[in-house]
Amino acid sequence: MQPKRYFYLIKVQYLGYRLHGWQKQPDVKTVEELITKTLRYVMPEQKFKILGTSRTDAMVSAQESAFELFLDYEPLSDLDEFLKEFNQNLPQDIRALAITEVDAKFNIIQHPKLKEYAYLFSFGEKNHPFCAPLMANFQFDLDIELMKKGAKLFEGKHQFRNYCVRVSENSTFEREIIKSELVENTEITASFFPEKSYIFHIHSAGFLRHQVRLMMGALLQLGRGELSLEDLENSLKPSVEMQMDYIVPASGLLLNKIGLEDF
């Protein structure tokens, strides 16, 4: 007889700078491993498993991500108390934001969602060292206005074969970019941030491996004069082989929000 199972959606945020991404790996600290370890501590008698909605890479942070918690036999008696105890025992760079009970029909992988990524960067003079966990720094000049035009070219449905790595035979490369824009940063601030910094915002239901970092790399090449707007347009055509190979540092990338329908 199968045990009764209970399902919970937990939203979290984390600073990824010291971590090796979401997915559990041997001999390194990951978000999944630290969350699992904490759950074992706060629920020592419970049988459980977790499933994340997004596998961020090493050093990538998240303002809002989520995972599903599956509990066998016994439900959580008090969600508010659980959230409080969970946060008290999580590492300082991981925070649980909210918990919601869901039913067996909910599937965190297949549930309709919109992922919002942001890439935070500055250019020119070297940044204060405290910026390193959140902001990439490029010590060369950039044509920001041209990069803004380039960012808009990504909007709509395109083939992103030239913007991914580790391609498999069954890969599909069409993605619809709901929003793509590069703006001056007024959202994430600190006293030690440079006078001017910028954010590349990109929204889609899904991304290929390293796609956002390669898109940001292409915008940097555009801003340096190494690519043209025409090159960028051509790179999105299915018939054009033009593999992008400039992968920007992961530490500037932020999973800004996971928009789960109805949650």
Protein backbone atom coordinates (compact mmCIF):
# COMPACT_ATOMS: atom_id res chain seq x y z
CA MET A 1 0.00 0.00 0.00
CA GLN A 2 1.37 3.39 -1.03
CA PRO A 3 1.79 5.91 1.80
CA LYS A 4 -0.29 9.09 1.68
CA ARG A 5 1.77 11.87 0.13
CA TYR A 6 1.61 15.62 0.77
CA PHE A 7 2.86 18.31 -1.59
CA TYR A 8 4.23 21.82 -0.91
CA LEU A 9 5.56 24.62 -3.08
CA ILE A 10 8.38 26.53 -1.38
CA LYS A 11 9.79 29.76 -2.82
CA VAL A 12 13.41 30.61 -1.98
CA GLN A 13 16.13 33.13 -2.74
CA TYR A 14 19.89 32.67 -2.50
CA LEU A 15 23.28 34.21 -3.13
CA GLY A 16 25.07 31.80 -5.44
CA TYR A 17 28.63 33.16 -5.25
CA ARG A 18 30.07 30.36 -3.05
CA LEU A 19 27.77 27.65 -4.39
CA HIS A 20 28.13 25.26 -7.32
CA GLY A 21 24.64 25.74 -8.70
CA TRP A 22 21.32 24.16 -7.75
CA GLN A 23 21.82 20.48 -8.51
CA LYS A 24 23.43 18.16 -5.98
CA GLN A 25 26.99 17.15 -6.94
CA PRO A 26 29.70 15.17 -5.14
CA ASP A 27 32.23 17.06 -2.96
CA VAL A 28 30.87 20.59 -3.56
CA LYS A 29 28.26 22.79 -1.90
CA THR A 30 25.05 23.26 -3.92
CA VAL A 31 21.69 24.86 -3.16
CA GLU A 32 19.84 21.53 -3.39
CA GLU A 33 22.30 19.82 -1.05
CA LEU A 34 22.12 22.56 1.61
CA ILE A 35 18.31 22.69 1.47
CA THR A 36 18.08 18.89 1.75
CA LYS A 37 20.51 18.87 4.68
CA THR A 38 18.46 21.54 6.48
CA LEU A 39 15.18 19.70 5.86
CA ARG A 40 16.69 16.53 7.34
CA TYR A 41 17.60 18.51 10.44
CA VAL A 42 14.20 20.18 10.95
CA MET A 43 12.23 17.02 10.02
CA PRO A 44 14.44 14.15 11.29
CA GLU A 45 11.63 11.57 11.26
CA GLN A 46 10.04 12.53 7.95
CA LYS A 47 10.49 10.75 4.63
CA PHE A 48 10.72 13.41 1.91
CA LYS A 49 12.21 14.43 -1.42
CA ILE A 50 12.50 17.76 -3.26
CA LEU A 51 12.38 18.83 -6.91
CA GLY A 52 13.61 22.24 -8.11
CA THR A 53 12.04 24.35 -10.83
CA SER A 54 15.29 25.74 -12.25
CA ARG A 55 18.84 24.37 -12.28
CA THR A 56 20.99 27.46 -11.96
CA ASP A 57 24.72 27.21 -12.69
CA ALA A 58 27.57 27.72 -10.24
CA MET A 59 27.76 31.30 -8.85
CA VAL A 60 24.32 32.27 -10.23
CA SER A 61 22.02 33.86 -7.62
CA ALA A 62 18.23 33.94 -7.33
CA GLN A 63 15.88 36.64 -6.10
CA GLU A 64 13.07 34.13 -6.43
CA SER A 65 13.25 30.45 -7.23
CA ALA A 66 11.14 27.53 -6.07
CA PHE A 67 11.11 23.84 -5.29
CA GLU A 68 8.45 21.25 -4.56
CA LEU A 69 8.58 19.32 -1.29
CA PHE A 70 7.06 15.81 -1.25
CA LEU A 71 6.24 14.44 2.22
CA ASP A 72 5.13 10.88 2.92
CA TYR A 73 2.83 9.74 5.75
CA GLU A 74 2.42 12.98 7.75
CA PRO A 75 1.62 16.55 6.62
CA LEU A 76 3.22 19.66 8.08
CA SER A 77 1.12 20.69 11.06
CA ASP A 78 1.84 24.45 10.92
CA LEU A 79 3.22 26.03 7.74
CA ASP A 80 4.20 29.32 9.41
CA GLU A 81 6.13 27.53 12.16
CA PHE A 82 7.81 25.27 9.62
CA LEU A 83 8.92 28.27 7.53
CA LYS A 84 10.31 29.99 10.61
CA GLU A 85 12.29 26.93 11.75
CA PHE A 86 13.47 26.22 8.21
CA ASN A 87 14.88 29.75 7.89
CA GLN A 88 16.51 29.59 11.31
CA ASN A 89 18.53 26.58 10.18
CA LEU A 90 19.29 27.45 6.55
CA PRO A 91 22.72 28.98 5.78
CA GLN A 92 22.84 32.79 5.75
CA ASP A 93 22.96 32.90 1.95
CA ILE A 94 19.71 30.94 1.45
CA ARG A 95 16.28 32.22 2.54
CA ALA A 96 12.83 30.63 2.27
CA LEU A 97 10.21 33.18 1.22
CA ALA A 98 6.90 31.33 1.34
CA ILE A 99 5.30 27.90 1.50
CA THR A 100 1.99 26.83 -0.06
CA GLU A 101 0.32 23.43 0.08
CA VAL A 102 -0.49 22.09 -3.40
CA ASP A 103 -2.14 18.90 -4.63
CA ALA A 104 -0.94 15.84 -6.52
CA LYS A 105 -1.91 17.42 -9.87
CA PHE A 106 0.68 20.15 -9.42
CA ASN A 107 3.97 19.43 -11.23
CA ILE A 108 6.69 22.01 -10.72
CA ILE A 109 8.49 21.03 -13.94
CA GLN A 110 5.44 21.02 -16.25
CA HIS A 111 3.42 23.80 -14.57
CA PRO A 112 3.19 26.89 -16.83
CA LYS A 113 5.79 29.42 -15.79
CA LEU A 114 7.69 32.50 -16.89
CA LYS A 115 11.35 32.83 -15.95
CA GLU A 116 12.80 36.29 -15.54
CA TYR A 117 16.58 36.58 -15.63
CA ALA A 118 18.66 39.69 -15.08
CA TYR A 119 22.35 40.25 -15.82
CA LEU A 120 23.94 43.02 -13.76
CA PHE A 121 27.14 44.64 -15.02
CA SER A 122 29.30 47.74 -15.16
CA PHE A 123 32.13 48.76 -17.44
CA GLY A 124 35.22 50.95 -17.39
CA GLU A 125 36.85 51.43 -13.99
CA LYS A 126 37.24 48.33 -11.83
CA ASN A 127 34.50 47.77 -9.24
CA HIS A 128 34.77 47.72 -5.47
CA PRO A 129 35.52 44.08 -4.47
CA PHE A 130 32.22 43.85 -2.56
CA CYS A 131 30.39 44.01 -5.94
CA ALA A 132 31.88 40.69 -7.07
CA PRO A 133 29.08 38.34 -5.87
CA LEU A 134 26.39 40.18 -7.85
CA MET A 135 27.85 42.30 -10.61
CA ALA A 136 30.15 41.55 -13.55
CA ASN A 137 32.72 44.19 -14.45
CA PHE A 138 34.17 44.73 -17.93
CA GLN A 139 37.20 47.01 -18.03
CA PHE A 140 36.74 48.32 -21.56
CA ASP A 141 34.48 50.87 -23.26
CA LEU A 142 31.02 49.88 -24.49
CA ASP A 143 28.44 51.52 -26.74
CA ILE A 144 25.46 51.10 -24.40
CA GLU A 145 22.95 52.70 -26.79
CA LEU A 146 23.86 50.19 -29.50
CA MET A 147 23.59 47.35 -26.99
CA LYS A 148 20.08 48.54 -26.06
CA LYS A 149 19.07 48.26 -29.73
CA GLY A 150 20.65 44.83 -29.94
CA ALA A 151 18.78 43.57 -26.87
CA LYS A 152 15.42 44.34 -28.51
CA LEU A 153 16.33 42.10 -31.49
CA PHE A 154 16.04 39.05 -29.24
CA GLU A 155 12.32 39.63 -28.59
CA GLY A 156 9.86 37.28 -30.30
CA LYS A 157 10.25 33.68 -31.54
CA HIS A 158 13.72 32.82 -32.78
CA GLN A 159 16.07 29.89 -33.28
CA PHE A 160 18.74 29.97 -30.56
CA ARG A 161 20.97 27.15 -31.81
CA ASN A 162 23.88 29.60 -31.90
CA TYR A 163 23.26 30.52 -28.26
CA CYS A 164 23.65 27.25 -26.40
CA VAL A 165 26.23 24.62 -25.47
CA ARG A 166 26.16 20.81 -25.23
CA VAL A 167 23.66 20.34 -28.02
CA SER A 168 22.00 16.90 -28.18
CA GLU A 169 20.34 15.26 -31.19
CA ASN A 170 16.88 15.78 -29.71
CA SER A 171 17.36 19.44 -28.80
CA THR A 172 14.83 21.99 -30.01
CA PHE A 173 16.13 25.52 -30.36
CA GLU A 174 13.07 27.70 -30.87
CA ARG A 175 12.34 29.92 -27.89
CA GLU A 176 9.97 32.85 -27.52
CA ILE A 177 11.51 35.81 -25.72
CA ILE A 178 8.69 37.78 -24.11
CA LYS A 179 10.87 40.68 -23.03
CA SER A 180 14.49 41.62 -23.71
CA GLU A 181 15.87 44.98 -22.71
CA LEU A 182 19.05 46.60 -21.45
CA VAL A 183 18.57 49.51 -19.04
CA GLU A 184 20.51 51.53 -16.51
CA ASN A 185 20.35 49.81 -13.13
CA THR A 186 18.15 51.49 -10.53
CA GLU A 187 16.78 48.27 -9.00
CA ILE A 188 19.70 46.71 -7.15
CA THR A 189 21.76 49.28 -5.27
CA ALA A 190 24.46 49.47 -2.61
CA SER A 191 26.76 52.19 -1.29
CA PHE A 192 29.79 50.45 -2.84
CA PHE A 193 28.24 50.00 -6.31
CA PRO A 194 29.74 52.11 -9.12
CA GLU A 195 28.02 55.36 -10.05
CA LYS A 196 26.52 53.69 -13.12
CA SER A 197 25.66 50.06 -13.73
CA TYR A 198 23.32 48.28 -16.14
CA ILE A 199 20.87 45.37 -16.24
CA PHE A 200 20.02 43.10 -19.15
CA HIS A 201 16.46 41.81 -18.51
CA ILE A 202 15.16 38.76 -20.33
CA HIS A 203 11.84 36.91 -19.86
CA SER A 204 10.85 33.56 -21.39
CA ALA A 205 9.11 30.30 -20.52
CA GLY A 206 12.41 28.47 -20.92
CA PHE A 207 16.05 28.80 -21.86
CA LEU A 208 18.78 26.61 -23.33
CA ARG A 209 21.99 25.85 -21.42
CA HIS A 210 24.08 29.05 -21.05
CA GLN A 211 21.69 30.86 -23.42
CA VAL A 212 21.35 34.04 -21.35
CA ARG A 213 25.11 34.31 -20.72
CA LEU A 214 25.82 33.82 -24.44
CA MET A 215 23.21 36.44 -25.37
CA MET A 216 24.82 38.88 -22.94
CA GLY A 217 28.21 37.99 -24.43
CA ALA A 218 26.92 38.80 -27.92
CA LEU A 219 25.67 42.19 -26.66
CA LEU A 220 29.12 42.92 -25.23
CA GLN A 221 30.70 42.05 -28.58
CA LEU A 222 28.19 44.39 -30.21
CA GLY A 223 29.08 47.14 -27.75
CA ARG A 224 32.80 46.68 -28.47
CA GLY A 225 32.33 46.81 -32.24
CA GLU A 226 33.15 43.12 -32.77
CA LEU A 227 29.61 42.35 -34.01
CA SER A 228 27.03 44.47 -35.87
CA LEU A 229 23.24 44.62 -35.47
CA GLU A 230 23.02 42.73 -38.76
CA ASP A 231 25.27 39.99 -37.34
CA LEU A 232 22.98 39.71 -34.33
CA GLU A 233 19.89 39.43 -36.55
CA ASN A 234 21.55 36.78 -38.71
CA SER A 235 22.62 34.75 -35.67
CA LEU A 236 18.93 34.13 -34.87
CA LYS A 237 18.14 32.62 -38.28
CA PRO A 238 17.86 28.81 -38.44
CA SER A 239 19.93 28.61 -41.64
CA VAL A 240 22.92 30.54 -40.25
CA GLU A 241 25.75 28.79 -38.40
CA MET A 242 27.31 31.46 -36.22
CA GLN A 243 28.11 29.86 -32.87
CA MET A 244 28.44 32.44 -30.11
CA ASP A 245 31.34 31.60 -27.81
CA TYR A 246 31.63 34.53 -25.41
CA ILE A 247 30.08 33.23 -22.17
CA VAL A 248 30.02 36.07 -19.64
CA PRO A 249 30.86 35.39 -15.95
CA ALA A 250 28.09 33.62 -14.03
CA SER A 251 28.29 35.91 -10.99
CA GLY A 252 26.42 38.73 -12.79
CA LEU A 253 23.44 36.48 -13.55
CA LEU A 254 20.35 36.55 -11.36
CA LEU A 255 17.20 34.45 -11.59
CA ASN A 256 14.96 37.39 -10.82
CA LYS A 257 11.58 35.68 -10.66
CA ILE A 258 9.76 32.43 -11.36
CA GLY A 259 6.22 33.29 -12.43
CA LEU A 260 4.17 30.17 -11.69
CA GLU A 261 0.60 30.39 -12.96
CA ASP A 262 -1.85 30.76 -10.03
CA PHE A 263 0.98 30.96 -7.45
